Every structure is written in structure tokens, then in C-alpha cells.
């Protein structure tokens, strides 16, 4: 992922706070020889307090076709992209050129986590990972805890395998044109506010936050 200096995360806290609220991504796993890579959409729980860059907890069904490839090569990439919008060319035009000469672009936030995967088959640890995930997504409770040999979820543990992904490297990008002249940034912000399309409010908030910083 190309990251221009002006699009780079200002700190680890910036991407970690964003990732905590964006917990659905795509896990890329190298394919076996002669096979394409596997790309698996999934929910996950990111825990920043573990290791240098944190860890990711998730689980998948045992029949998933990626397990053999993952066991052959545990180096994976988890990609998360959100808060994306299309920016029309006229919004981006510099002050000294006709508006129709402006270059369209995309705004987005993206975090890519390079990880070493550990497959978890131990029932007790699987139950713990499931409970940690549910605790992240459902802090208000309301569901029974998973426990080995106990209803309602104990008998289902054999049908899944859990994953613990230790994060070894992070690439984070917040592409919101905050290197542009103030006049252009003001025009973009006004356009986002007027359009009010999906993602526009989040993109405008990112632009304002990073501009102020």
C-alpha cells in the first residue's frame, strides 16, 4: 500500500482507536503452490495490549478451505478499509485552474496488519477466544458464555477452529487531502457536507481532525 507522508497515521493511537471501531476486514492467506491466495471476510477482536503491535482474535468454520494453506504458511495480512468516499474532480481543482480540470480521487482510511497466525484447536482456548470476541461485540451481555461440555455452545466448539494473529507490522493510511491548500480543503468539506452520501460525514470528520492536528 502506497502511503504518502501526508496520509500516514500521526501516531499508533490514531490507527488503534480507528481499528477498535472497525472490526470487520479481509484476511489474506498465501495459497498452496499453484493456487491463488485465500481472502476471507471476517469479524475480529483487536487487542492492543498484547505484544508490540497487539493481536487479533477470530474464528472460522472447520470446513473452511484455507486451513491447509494457513498451516503451510502462517504469515498473513489482515486488511481493513472503511470511511471511503468518491471525491469529484471539481472539488479538488487548485485555485488557479478551471474546475473541470480537477482530478477525481478517493478518500479512505485503511489499516493493514501483517501477522503470524496460530491455529487454536484446544477446546478451552477456543472457548476463551469466543468469549473475548463476544465481549468485544456484545459488551452488554445477553448471551451465554461458551464453555467446554456445557450447553448451549459447548457441543459446537468442535465445528470451529480459532485463530490468534500476532501482529508483527502495521501500515496505516488516512487519505483525506489534508496537504491541499486551505481553499481546496474548504471546498471539499463543503461538498461532503452538502452531498450527505454514505461515508461523507465520517470522511469530513477525518479531514477536519487531521487538518487540525
C-alpha atoms as a PDB file:
ATOM      1  CA  UNK A   1       0.000   0.000   0.000  1.00  0.00           C
ATOM      2  CA  UNK A   2       1.432   3.333  -1.048  1.00  0.00           C
ATOM      3  CA  UNK A   3       1.394   5.803   1.840  1.00  0.00           C
ATOM      4  CA  UNK A   4       2.340   9.402   1.120  1.00  0.00           C
ATOM      5  CA  UNK A   5       3.853  11.262   4.100  1.00  0.00           C
ATOM      6  CA  UNK A   6       0.740  13.429   4.474  1.00  0.00           C
ATOM      7  CA  UNK A   7      -1.537  10.357   4.564  1.00  0.00           C
ATOM      8  CA  UNK A   8       0.425   8.429   7.202  1.00  0.00           C
ATOM      9  CA  UNK A   9      -1.044   7.884  10.657  1.00  0.00           C
ATOM     10  CA  UNK A  10       0.059  10.588  13.073  1.00  0.00           C
ATOM     11  CA  UNK A  11       0.603   8.023  15.832  1.00  0.00           C
ATOM     12  CA  UNK A  12      -0.103   4.427  16.813  1.00  0.00           C
ATOM     13  CA  UNK A  13      -3.006   5.716  18.888  1.00  0.00           C
ATOM     14  CA  UNK A  14      -4.699   7.087  15.760  1.00  0.00           C
ATOM     15  CA  UNK A  15      -4.874   3.789  13.904  1.00  0.00           C
ATOM     16  CA  UNK A  16      -5.508   1.743  17.053  1.00  0.00           C
ATOM     17  CA  UNK A  17      -8.514   3.878  18.008  1.00  0.00           C
ATOM     18  CA  UNK A  18      -9.852   3.647  14.473  1.00  0.00           C
ATOM     19  CA  UNK A  19      -9.304  -0.117  14.318  1.00  0.00           C
ATOM     20  CA  UNK A  20     -11.116  -0.646  17.624  1.00  0.00           C
ATOM     21  CA  UNK A  21     -14.283   0.667  15.941  1.00  0.00           C
ATOM     22  CA  UNK A  22     -13.703  -1.053  12.589  1.00  0.00           C
ATOM     23  CA  UNK A  23     -13.617  -4.733  13.390  1.00  0.00           C
ATOM     24  CA  UNK A  24     -14.550  -6.365  10.102  1.00  0.00           C
ATOM     25  CA  UNK A  25     -11.896  -6.998   7.476  1.00  0.00           C
ATOM     26  CA  UNK A  26     -10.411  -9.421   4.981  1.00  0.00           C
ATOM     27  CA  UNK A  27      -7.758 -11.962   5.900  1.00  0.00           C
ATOM     28  CA  UNK A  28      -5.298 -12.737   3.126  1.00  0.00           C
ATOM     29  CA  UNK A  29      -3.577 -16.139   3.237  1.00  0.00           C
ATOM     30  CA  UNK A  30      -0.977 -17.304   0.716  1.00  0.00           C
ATOM     31  CA  UNK A  31      -2.294 -20.172  -1.398  1.00  0.00           C
ATOM     32  CA  UNK A  32      -0.589 -23.519  -1.740  1.00  0.00           C
ATOM     33  CA  UNK A  33       1.623 -23.916  -4.854  1.00  0.00           C
ATOM     34  CA  UNK A  34      -0.476 -23.490  -7.971  1.00  0.00           C
ATOM     35  CA  UNK A  35      -3.398 -21.972  -6.047  1.00  0.00           C
ATOM     36  CA  UNK A  36      -4.475 -18.334  -5.757  1.00  0.00           C
ATOM     37  CA  UNK A  37      -4.397 -16.618  -2.349  1.00  0.00           C
ATOM     38  CA  UNK A  38      -7.324 -17.057   0.011  1.00  0.00           C
ATOM     39  CA  UNK A  39      -9.220 -13.902   1.010  1.00  0.00           C
ATOM     40  CA  UNK A  40     -11.585 -14.449   3.913  1.00  0.00           C
ATOM     41  CA  UNK A  41     -14.026 -11.767   5.149  1.00  0.00           C
ATOM     42  CA  UNK A  42     -14.409 -11.920   8.933  1.00  0.00           C
ATOM     43  CA  UNK A  43     -15.228 -10.181  12.174  1.00  0.00           C
ATOM     44  CA  UNK A  44     -12.348  -9.957  14.641  1.00  0.00           C
ATOM     45  CA  UNK A  45     -11.379  -8.533  18.014  1.00  0.00           C
ATOM     46  CA  UNK A  46      -8.171  -6.480  18.147  1.00  0.00           C
ATOM     47  CA  UNK A  47      -6.347  -6.384  21.488  1.00  0.00           C
ATOM     48  CA  UNK A  48      -3.718  -3.637  21.530  1.00  0.00           C
ATOM     49  CA  UNK A  49      -2.248  -4.572  24.894  1.00  0.00           C
ATOM     50  CA  UNK A  50      -0.648  -7.823  23.697  1.00  0.00           C
ATOM     51  CA  UNK A  51       2.872  -7.603  22.283  1.00  0.00           C
ATOM     52  CA  UNK A  52       4.440  -4.692  20.419  1.00  0.00           C
ATOM     53  CA  UNK A  53       1.611  -4.157  17.932  1.00  0.00           C
ATOM     54  CA  UNK A  54      -1.204  -6.130  19.555  1.00  0.00           C
ATOM     55  CA  UNK A  55      -3.008  -9.277  18.485  1.00  0.00           C
ATOM     56  CA  UNK A  56      -6.169 -10.259  16.659  1.00  0.00           C
ATOM     57  CA  UNK A  57      -8.617 -12.955  17.769  1.00  0.00           C
ATOM     58  CA  UNK A  58     -11.114 -14.602  15.451  1.00  0.00           C
ATOM     59  CA  UNK A  59     -12.524 -17.981  14.421  1.00  0.00           C
ATOM     60  CA  UNK A  60     -13.732 -19.764  11.296  1.00  0.00           C
ATOM     61  CA  UNK A  61     -15.693 -22.892  10.479  1.00  0.00           C
ATOM     62  CA  UNK A  62     -13.680 -26.105  10.395  1.00  0.00           C
ATOM     63  CA  UNK A  63     -14.673 -26.864   6.739  1.00  0.00           C
ATOM     64  CA  UNK A  64     -13.144 -23.560   5.560  1.00  0.00           C
ATOM     65  CA  UNK A  65     -10.788 -24.302   2.619  1.00  0.00           C
ATOM     66  CA  UNK A  66      -7.971 -22.031   3.813  1.00  0.00           C
ATOM     67  CA  UNK A  67      -6.698 -24.188   6.731  1.00  0.00           C
ATOM     68  CA  UNK A  68      -4.143 -26.239   4.780  1.00  0.00           C
ATOM     69  CA  UNK A  69      -2.681 -23.095   3.215  1.00  0.00           C
ATOM     70  CA  UNK A  70      -2.570 -21.337   6.577  1.00  0.00           C
ATOM     71  CA  UNK A  71      -0.775 -24.241   8.235  1.00  0.00           C
ATOM     72  CA  UNK A  72       1.757 -24.297   5.364  1.00  0.00           C
ATOM     73  CA  UNK A  73       2.445 -20.558   5.666  1.00  0.00           C
ATOM     74  CA  UNK A  74       1.259 -18.774   8.825  1.00  0.00           C
ATOM     75  CA  UNK A  75       2.304 -15.295   7.601  1.00  0.00           C
ATOM     76  CA  UNK A  76      -0.940 -13.480   6.786  1.00  0.00           C
ATOM     77  CA  UNK A  77      -2.288  -9.996   6.122  1.00  0.00           C
ATOM     78  CA  UNK A  78      -5.457  -8.585   7.652  1.00  0.00           C
ATOM     79  CA  UNK A  79      -6.797  -5.634   5.669  1.00  0.00           C
ATOM     80  CA  UNK A  80      -9.449  -3.221   6.937  1.00  0.00           C
ATOM     81  CA  UNK A  81     -10.828  -0.364   4.806  1.00  0.00           C
ATOM     82  CA  UNK A  82     -13.695   1.995   5.630  1.00  0.00           C
ATOM     83  CA  UNK A  83     -14.834   5.631   5.734  1.00  0.00           C
ATOM     84  CA  UNK A  84     -14.367   5.785   1.975  1.00  0.00           C
ATOM     85  CA  UNK A  85     -15.954   8.255  -0.438  1.00  0.00           C
ATOM     86  CA  UNK A  86     -15.591   9.360  -4.038  1.00  0.00           C
ATOM     87  CA  UNK A  87     -14.396  12.959  -4.424  1.00  0.00           C
ATOM     88  CA  UNK A  88     -15.426  14.638  -7.713  1.00  0.00           C
ATOM     89  CA  UNK A  89     -12.758  16.367  -9.748  1.00  0.00           C
ATOM     90  CA  UNK A  90     -14.153  19.922  -9.436  1.00  0.00           C
ATOM     91  CA  UNK A  91     -13.892  19.744  -5.641  1.00  0.00           C
ATOM     92  CA  UNK A  92     -10.174  19.054  -5.933  1.00  0.00           C
ATOM     93  CA  UNK A  93      -9.282  21.695  -8.526  1.00  0.00           C
ATOM     94  CA  UNK A  94      -6.467  24.051  -7.446  1.00  0.00           C
ATOM     95  CA  UNK A  95      -7.495  27.723  -7.238  1.00  0.00           C
ATOM     96  CA  UNK A  96      -5.644  28.696 -10.432  1.00  0.00           C
ATOM     97  CA  UNK A  97      -7.169  26.175 -12.888  1.00  0.00           C
ATOM     98  CA  UNK A  98     -10.681  25.622 -14.282  1.00  0.00           C
ATOM     99  CA  UNK A  99     -12.815  23.453 -12.007  1.00  0.00           C
ATOM    100  CA  UNK A 100     -13.359  20.901 -14.775  1.00  0.00           C
ATOM    101  CA  UNK A 101      -9.614  20.224 -14.769  1.00  0.00           C
ATOM    102  CA  UNK A 102      -9.642  18.977 -11.191  1.00  0.00           C
ATOM    103  CA  UNK A 103      -8.624  15.363 -10.637  1.00  0.00           C
ATOM    104  CA  UNK A 104     -11.189  12.989  -9.057  1.00  0.00           C
ATOM    105  CA  UNK A 105      -9.950  10.800  -6.227  1.00  0.00           C
ATOM    106  CA  UNK A 106     -10.962   8.529  -3.380  1.00  0.00           C
ATOM    107  CA  UNK A 107     -10.776   9.270   0.326  1.00  0.00           C
ATOM    108  CA  UNK A 108     -10.448   6.330   2.712  1.00  0.00           C
ATOM    109  CA  UNK A 109      -8.952   5.001   5.909  1.00  0.00           C
ATOM    110  CA  UNK A 110      -7.034   1.724   5.748  1.00  0.00           C
ATOM    111  CA  UNK A 111      -5.084  -0.386   8.203  1.00  0.00           C
ATOM    112  CA  UNK A 112      -3.132  -3.464   7.148  1.00  0.00           C
ATOM    113  CA  UNK A 113      -1.816  -5.816   9.821  1.00  0.00           C
ATOM    114  CA  UNK A 114       0.912  -8.281   8.961  1.00  0.00           C
ATOM    115  CA  UNK A 115       0.536 -11.183  11.349  1.00  0.00           C
ATOM    116  CA  UNK A 116       1.801 -14.605  12.285  1.00  0.00           C
ATOM    117  CA  UNK A 117      -1.176 -16.903  12.677  1.00  0.00           C
ATOM    118  CA  UNK A 118      -1.556 -19.596  15.300  1.00  0.00           C
ATOM    119  CA  UNK A 119      -4.367 -22.084  14.779  1.00  0.00           C
ATOM    120  CA  UNK A 120      -6.152 -22.950  18.011  1.00  0.00           C
ATOM    121  CA  UNK A 121      -7.846 -26.330  18.406  1.00  0.00           C
ATOM    122  CA  UNK A 122      -7.719 -26.668  22.187  1.00  0.00           C
ATOM    123  CA  UNK A 123     -11.366 -26.524  23.334  1.00  0.00           C
ATOM    124  CA  UNK A 124     -10.678 -24.426  26.433  1.00  0.00           C
ATOM    125  CA  UNK A 125      -8.699 -21.833  24.483  1.00  0.00           C
ATOM    126  CA  UNK A 126     -11.288 -21.786  21.709  1.00  0.00           C
ATOM    127  CA  UNK A 127     -13.987 -21.067  24.263  1.00  0.00           C
ATOM    128  CA  UNK A 128     -11.885 -18.247  25.728  1.00  0.00           C
ATOM    129  CA  UNK A 129     -11.361 -16.686  22.278  1.00  0.00           C
ATOM    130  CA  UNK A 130     -15.077 -16.903  21.511  1.00  0.00           C
ATOM    131  CA  UNK A 131     -15.932 -15.255  24.811  1.00  0.00           C
ATOM    132  CA  UNK A 132     -13.416 -12.486  24.163  1.00  0.00           C
ATOM    133  CA  UNK A 133     -14.935 -11.848  20.748  1.00  0.00           C
ATOM    134  CA  UNK A 134     -18.466 -11.766  22.108  1.00  0.00           C
ATOM    135  CA  UNK A 135     -17.305  -9.489  24.919  1.00  0.00           C
ATOM    136  CA  UNK A 136     -15.964  -7.075  22.315  1.00  0.00           C
ATOM    137  CA  UNK A 137     -19.016  -7.060  20.085  1.00  0.00           C
ATOM    138  CA  UNK A 138     -21.658  -7.512  22.755  1.00  0.00           C
ATOM    139  CA  UNK A 139     -20.406  -5.800  25.926  1.00  0.00           C
ATOM    140  CA  UNK A 140     -23.978  -5.504  27.193  1.00  0.00           C
ATOM    141  CA  UNK A 141     -24.104  -9.292  27.535  1.00  0.00           C
ATOM    142  CA  UNK A 142     -27.271 -11.232  26.887  1.00  0.00           C
ATOM    143  CA  UNK A 143     -25.669 -14.428  25.577  1.00  0.00           C
ATOM    144  CA  UNK A 144     -24.450 -17.462  27.485  1.00  0.00           C
ATOM    145  CA  UNK A 145     -20.698 -17.945  27.768  1.00  0.00           C
ATOM    146  CA  UNK A 146     -19.033 -20.661  25.757  1.00  0.00           C
ATOM    147  CA  UNK A 147     -17.721 -23.444  27.983  1.00  0.00           C
ATOM    148  CA  UNK A 148     -16.404 -26.895  27.145  1.00  0.00           C
ATOM    149  CA  UNK A 149     -19.044 -29.566  27.614  1.00  0.00           C
ATOM    150  CA  UNK A 150     -21.730 -27.090  28.643  1.00  0.00           C
ATOM    151  CA  UNK A 151     -24.890 -26.014  26.844  1.00  0.00           C
ATOM    152  CA  UNK A 152     -25.651 -24.196  24.673  1.00  0.00           C
ATOM    153  CA  UNK A 153     -22.323 -23.718  22.859  1.00  0.00           C
ATOM    154  CA  UNK A 154     -20.056 -26.440  24.200  1.00  0.00           C
ATOM    155  CA  UNK A 155     -21.080 -29.021  21.621  1.00  0.00           C
ATOM    156  CA  UNK A 156     -20.441 -26.510  18.816  1.00  0.00           C
ATOM    157  CA  UNK A 157     -16.765 -25.963  19.634  1.00  0.00           C
ATOM    158  CA  UNK A 158     -15.685 -28.954  17.548  1.00  0.00           C
ATOM    159  CA  UNK A 159     -17.162 -27.272  14.455  1.00  0.00           C
ATOM    160  CA  UNK A 160     -14.784 -24.308  14.513  1.00  0.00           C
ATOM    161  CA  UNK A 161     -11.088 -23.517  14.720  1.00  0.00           C
ATOM    162  CA  UNK A 162      -9.893 -20.319  16.340  1.00  0.00           C
ATOM    163  CA  UNK A 163      -7.084 -18.022  15.236  1.00  0.00           C
ATOM    164  CA  UNK A 164      -4.693 -15.939  17.265  1.00  0.00           C
ATOM    165  CA  UNK A 165      -2.876 -13.476  14.993  1.00  0.00           C
ATOM    166  CA  UNK A 166       0.235 -11.866  16.492  1.00  0.00           C
ATOM    167  CA  UNK A 167       0.764  -8.538  14.715  1.00  0.00           C
ATOM    168  CA  UNK A 168       4.342  -8.010  13.525  1.00  0.00           C
ATOM    169  CA  UNK A 169       3.941  -4.915  11.340  1.00  0.00           C
ATOM    170  CA  UNK A 170       1.323  -2.247  10.670  1.00  0.00           C
ATOM    171  CA  UNK A 171       0.621   0.015   7.725  1.00  0.00           C
ATOM    172  CA  UNK A 172      -1.974   2.712   8.345  1.00  0.00           C
ATOM    173  CA  UNK A 173      -3.269   5.298   5.889  1.00  0.00           C
ATOM    174  CA  UNK A 174      -5.752   8.147   6.254  1.00  0.00           C
ATOM    175  CA  UNK A 175      -6.162   9.665   2.771  1.00  0.00           C
ATOM    176  CA  UNK A 176      -8.155  12.877   3.204  1.00  0.00           C
ATOM    177  CA  UNK A 177      -6.220  15.501   1.190  1.00  0.00           C
ATOM    178  CA  UNK A 178      -5.009  17.440   4.215  1.00  0.00           C
ATOM    179  CA  UNK A 179      -1.940  18.505   2.205  1.00  0.00           C
ATOM    180  CA  UNK A 180      -4.110  20.536  -0.168  1.00  0.00           C
ATOM    181  CA  UNK A 181      -4.430  24.356   0.040  1.00  0.00           C
ATOM    182  CA  UNK A 182      -6.982  25.633   2.562  1.00  0.00           C
ATOM    183  CA  UNK A 183      -9.289  26.820  -0.214  1.00  0.00           C
ATOM    184  CA  UNK A 184      -9.417  23.335  -1.717  1.00  0.00           C
ATOM    185  CA  UNK A 185      -9.926  21.654   1.645  1.00  0.00           C
ATOM    186  CA  UNK A 186     -12.759  24.056   2.456  1.00  0.00           C
ATOM    187  CA  UNK A 187     -14.400  23.271  -0.892  1.00  0.00           C
ATOM    188  CA  UNK A 188     -14.105  19.523  -0.296  1.00  0.00           C
ATOM    189  CA  UNK A 189     -15.527  19.802   3.212  1.00  0.00           C
ATOM    190  CA  UNK A 190     -18.458  21.877   1.945  1.00  0.00           C
ATOM    191  CA  UNK A 191     -19.112  19.366  -0.830  1.00  0.00           C
ATOM    192  CA  UNK A 192     -19.155  16.453   1.605  1.00  0.00           C
ATOM    193  CA  UNK A 193     -21.494  18.333   3.954  1.00  0.00           C
ATOM    194  CA  UNK A 194     -23.902  19.181   1.133  1.00  0.00           C
ATOM    195  CA  UNK A 195     -23.872  15.759  -0.532  1.00  0.00           C
ATOM    196  CA  UNK A 196     -24.550  13.814   2.682  1.00  0.00           C
ATOM    197  CA  UNK A 197     -23.939  10.477   0.976  1.00  0.00           C
ATOM    198  CA  UNK A 198     -22.821   7.231   2.614  1.00  0.00           C
ATOM    199  CA  UNK A 199     -19.483   7.807   4.302  1.00  0.00           C
ATOM    200  CA  UNK A 200     -19.457  11.566   3.725  1.00  0.00           C
ATOM    201  CA  UNK A 201     -19.865  12.528   7.390  1.00  0.00           C
ATOM    202  CA  UNK A 202     -17.086  10.168   8.501  1.00  0.00           C
ATOM    203  CA  UNK A 203     -14.753  11.383   5.742  1.00  0.00           C
ATOM    204  CA  UNK A 204     -15.431  15.008   6.626  1.00  0.00           C
ATOM    205  CA  UNK A 205     -14.725  14.262  10.290  1.00  0.00           C
ATOM    206  CA  UNK A 206     -11.399  12.628   9.388  1.00  0.00           C
ATOM    207  CA  UNK A 207     -10.487  15.594   7.198  1.00  0.00           C
ATOM    208  CA  UNK A 208     -11.274  18.085   9.962  1.00  0.00           C
ATOM    209  CA  UNK A 209      -9.490  16.067  12.653  1.00  0.00           C
ATOM    210  CA  UNK A 210      -6.309  15.567  10.662  1.00  0.00           C
ATOM    211  CA  UNK A 211      -6.346  19.148   9.374  1.00  0.00           C
ATOM    212  CA  UNK A 212      -6.488  20.442  12.937  1.00  0.00           C
ATOM    213  CA  UNK A 213      -3.705  18.096  14.034  1.00  0.00           C
END
